[in-house]
Amino acid sequence: MQILIKLLAVVCLIGALNWGLVGFFGFDLIAALFGPMTLISRLIYSLVGISAILLIVLSIKQYKQLSID
């Protein structure tokens, strides 16, 4: 489980760094590397979103377990 959480965190960090580049410099690294809205770019964006959702769910689950203990 810890490996999964670390993997999800890394994917979310990659997405966060990409959004930081977009916000500060108007530069989309994923689009620059793989092309704008190509299949692989869309897969990467989707993985970042799914990773964020899973991290939220796992965080809530862990919080509830800590509250019960």
N, C-alpha and C. Protein backbone atom coordinates (compact mmCIF):
# COMPACT_ATOMS: atom_id res chain seq x y z
N MET A 1 0.83 -1.20 0.00
CA MET A 1 0.00 0.00 0.00
C MET A 1 0.87 1.26 0.00
N GLN A 2 1.97 1.22 0.74
CA GLN A 2 2.85 2.39 0.79
C GLN A 2 3.47 2.69 -0.57
N ILE A 3 3.78 1.65 -1.32
CA ILE A 3 4.34 1.85 -2.67
C ILE A 3 3.32 2.54 -3.56
N LEU A 4 2.07 2.10 -3.46
CA LEU A 4 1.00 2.72 -4.25
C LEU A 4 0.85 4.19 -3.90
N ILE A 5 0.86 4.51 -2.63
CA ILE A 5 0.72 5.91 -2.19
C ILE A 5 1.88 6.74 -2.71
N LYS A 6 3.09 6.20 -2.64
CA LYS A 6 4.25 6.94 -3.14
C LYS A 6 4.16 7.16 -4.65
N LEU A 7 3.73 6.14 -5.37
CA LEU A 7 3.56 6.26 -6.82
C LEU A 7 2.51 7.32 -7.16
N LEU A 8 1.38 7.28 -6.46
CA LEU A 8 0.33 8.27 -6.68
C LEU A 8 0.84 9.67 -6.38
N ALA A 9 1.61 9.80 -5.32
CA ALA A 9 2.15 11.11 -4.95
C ALA A 9 3.10 11.64 -6.01
N VAL A 10 3.94 10.77 -6.56
CA VAL A 10 4.88 11.19 -7.61
C VAL A 10 4.11 11.66 -8.85
N VAL A 11 3.09 10.92 -9.24
CA VAL A 11 2.30 11.30 -10.41
C VAL A 11 1.61 12.64 -10.16
N CYS A 12 1.08 12.84 -8.95
CA CYS A 12 0.44 14.12 -8.63
C CYS A 12 1.45 15.27 -8.62
N LEU A 13 2.65 15.00 -8.14
CA LEU A 13 3.69 16.04 -8.15
C LEU A 13 4.07 16.43 -9.58
N ILE A 14 4.15 15.46 -10.45
CA ILE A 14 4.44 15.76 -11.86
C ILE A 14 3.34 16.66 -12.43
N GLY A 15 2.09 16.32 -12.13
CA GLY A 15 0.98 17.16 -12.58
C GLY A 15 1.01 18.54 -11.98
N ALA A 16 1.35 18.62 -10.69
CA ALA A 16 1.42 19.92 -10.03
C ALA A 16 2.53 20.79 -10.61
N LEU A 17 3.67 20.18 -10.87
CA LEU A 17 4.77 20.93 -11.50
C LEU A 17 4.38 21.41 -12.89
N ASN A 18 3.68 20.57 -13.64
CA ASN A 18 3.24 20.98 -14.96
C ASN A 18 2.28 22.17 -14.87
N TRP A 19 1.33 22.10 -13.92
CA TRP A 19 0.39 23.23 -13.76
C TRP A 19 1.11 24.49 -13.29
N GLY A 20 2.14 24.32 -12.47
CA GLY A 20 2.94 25.48 -12.07
C GLY A 20 3.63 26.13 -13.25
N LEU A 21 4.17 25.30 -14.14
CA LEU A 21 4.80 25.84 -15.35
C LEU A 21 3.77 26.56 -16.22
N VAL A 22 2.58 25.98 -16.32
CA VAL A 22 1.52 26.61 -17.12
C VAL A 22 1.13 27.94 -16.50
N GLY A 23 0.95 27.96 -15.19
CA GLY A 23 0.51 29.18 -14.51
C GLY A 23 1.53 30.29 -14.53
N PHE A 24 2.79 29.96 -14.27
CA PHE A 24 3.82 30.99 -14.18
C PHE A 24 4.41 31.39 -15.53
N PHE A 25 4.53 30.44 -16.42
CA PHE A 25 5.26 30.72 -17.66
C PHE A 25 4.45 30.45 -18.93
N GLY A 26 3.24 29.93 -18.79
CA GLY A 26 2.44 29.60 -19.96
C GLY A 26 3.04 28.46 -20.78
N PHE A 27 3.80 27.60 -20.10
CA PHE A 27 4.48 26.50 -20.77
C PHE A 27 3.94 25.17 -20.27
N ASP A 28 3.36 24.38 -21.15
CA ASP A 28 2.83 23.06 -20.81
C ASP A 28 3.87 22.01 -21.19
N LEU A 29 4.58 21.50 -20.20
CA LEU A 29 5.66 20.55 -20.45
C LEU A 29 5.17 19.26 -21.09
N ILE A 30 4.03 18.76 -20.63
CA ILE A 30 3.49 17.52 -21.19
C ILE A 30 3.17 17.70 -22.67
N ALA A 31 2.54 18.82 -23.01
CA ALA A 31 2.21 19.10 -24.41
C ALA A 31 3.48 19.30 -25.23
N ALA A 32 4.49 19.91 -24.63
CA ALA A 32 5.75 20.13 -25.35
C ALA A 32 6.47 18.81 -25.63
N LEU A 33 6.39 17.88 -24.69
CA LEU A 33 7.07 16.60 -24.87
C LEU A 33 6.32 15.63 -25.78
N PHE A 34 4.99 15.60 -25.63
CA PHE A 34 4.21 14.57 -26.32
C PHE A 34 3.21 15.11 -27.33
N GLY A 35 3.15 16.42 -27.49
CA GLY A 35 2.22 17.03 -28.43
C GLY A 35 0.93 17.44 -27.72
N PRO A 36 0.33 18.52 -28.22
CA PRO A 36 -0.90 19.00 -27.58
C PRO A 36 -2.08 18.06 -27.84
N MET A 37 -2.64 17.56 -26.77
CA MET A 37 -3.82 16.71 -26.80
C MET A 37 -3.68 15.46 -27.68
N THR A 38 -2.46 14.91 -27.71
CA THR A 38 -2.29 13.61 -28.35
C THR A 38 -2.79 12.54 -27.38
N LEU A 39 -2.87 11.34 -27.85
CA LEU A 39 -3.36 10.25 -27.00
C LEU A 39 -2.51 10.10 -25.75
N ILE A 40 -1.19 10.13 -25.89
CA ILE A 40 -0.33 9.95 -24.71
C ILE A 40 -0.46 11.14 -23.75
N SER A 41 -0.59 12.35 -24.27
CA SER A 41 -0.79 13.51 -23.40
C SER A 41 -2.07 13.38 -22.60
N ARG A 42 -3.12 12.97 -23.28
CA ARG A 42 -4.41 12.80 -22.60
C ARG A 42 -4.34 11.69 -21.56
N LEU A 43 -3.59 10.63 -21.85
CA LEU A 43 -3.41 9.56 -20.86
C LEU A 43 -2.67 10.06 -19.63
N ILE A 44 -1.65 10.87 -19.84
CA ILE A 44 -0.89 11.42 -18.71
C ILE A 44 -1.79 12.33 -17.89
N TYR A 45 -2.54 13.22 -18.53
CA TYR A 45 -3.45 14.10 -17.80
C TYR A 45 -4.48 13.28 -17.02
N SER A 46 -4.97 12.21 -17.63
CA SER A 46 -5.96 11.35 -16.97
C SER A 46 -5.35 10.64 -15.77
N LEU A 47 -4.13 10.14 -15.91
CA LEU A 47 -3.46 9.48 -14.80
C LEU A 47 -3.22 10.43 -13.63
N VAL A 48 -2.90 11.67 -13.94
CA VAL A 48 -2.70 12.67 -12.88
C VAL A 48 -4.02 12.89 -12.13
N GLY A 49 -5.11 13.03 -12.86
CA GLY A 49 -6.41 13.24 -12.23
C GLY A 49 -6.85 12.04 -11.41
N ILE A 50 -6.69 10.85 -11.96
CA ILE A 50 -7.05 9.63 -11.23
C ILE A 50 -6.19 9.48 -9.97
N SER A 51 -4.92 9.79 -10.09
CA SER A 51 -4.02 9.71 -8.93
C SER A 51 -4.47 10.65 -7.83
N ALA A 52 -4.86 11.85 -8.20
CA ALA A 52 -5.32 12.82 -7.21
C ALA A 52 -6.58 12.33 -6.51
N ILE A 53 -7.52 11.78 -7.27
CA ILE A 53 -8.75 11.26 -6.68
C ILE A 53 -8.44 10.11 -5.72
N LEU A 54 -7.57 9.20 -6.14
CA LEU A 54 -7.21 8.07 -5.27
C LEU A 54 -6.50 8.54 -4.00
N LEU A 55 -5.63 9.55 -4.11
CA LEU A 55 -4.97 10.07 -2.92
C LEU A 55 -5.97 10.69 -1.96
N ILE A 56 -6.96 11.39 -2.48
CA ILE A 56 -8.01 11.96 -1.63
C ILE A 56 -8.77 10.86 -0.91
N VAL A 57 -9.18 9.84 -1.65
CA VAL A 57 -9.94 8.73 -1.06
C VAL A 57 -9.10 8.02 0.00
N LEU A 58 -7.85 7.73 -0.31
CA LEU A 58 -6.99 7.04 0.66
C LEU A 58 -6.72 7.91 1.89
N SER A 59 -6.59 9.21 1.70
CA SER A 59 -6.38 10.11 2.84
C SER A 59 -7.60 10.13 3.75
N ILE A 60 -8.78 10.19 3.17
CA ILE A 60 -10.01 10.17 3.97
C ILE A 60 -10.12 8.85 4.73
N LYS A 61 -9.80 7.75 4.05
CA LYS A 61 -9.86 6.43 4.68
C LYS A 61 -8.90 6.35 5.87
N GLN A 62 -7.67 6.86 5.69
CA GLN A 62 -6.70 6.83 6.78
C GLN A 62 -7.14 7.74 7.92
N TYR A 63 -7.71 8.89 7.59
CA TYR A 63 -8.19 9.81 8.63
C TYR A 63 -9.28 9.16 9.46
N LYS A 64 -10.20 8.47 8.79
CA LYS A 64 -11.28 7.80 9.52
C LYS A 64 -10.73 6.70 10.42
N GLN A 65 -9.71 5.97 9.94
CA GLN A 65 -9.10 4.92 10.76
C GLN A 65 -8.41 5.52 11.99
N LEU A 66 -7.77 6.66 11.82
CA LEU A 66 -7.10 7.32 12.95
C LEU A 66 -8.13 7.85 13.95
N SER A 67 -9.26 8.31 13.46
CA SER A 67 -10.31 8.84 14.32
C SER A 67 -10.94 7.74 15.15
N ILE A 68 -11.04 6.55 14.58
CA ILE A 68 -11.64 5.42 15.28
C ILE A 68 -10.71 4.93 16.38
N ASP A 69 -9.41 4.89 16.09
CA ASP A 69 -8.43 4.39 17.07
C ASP A 69 -8.33 5.39 18.18
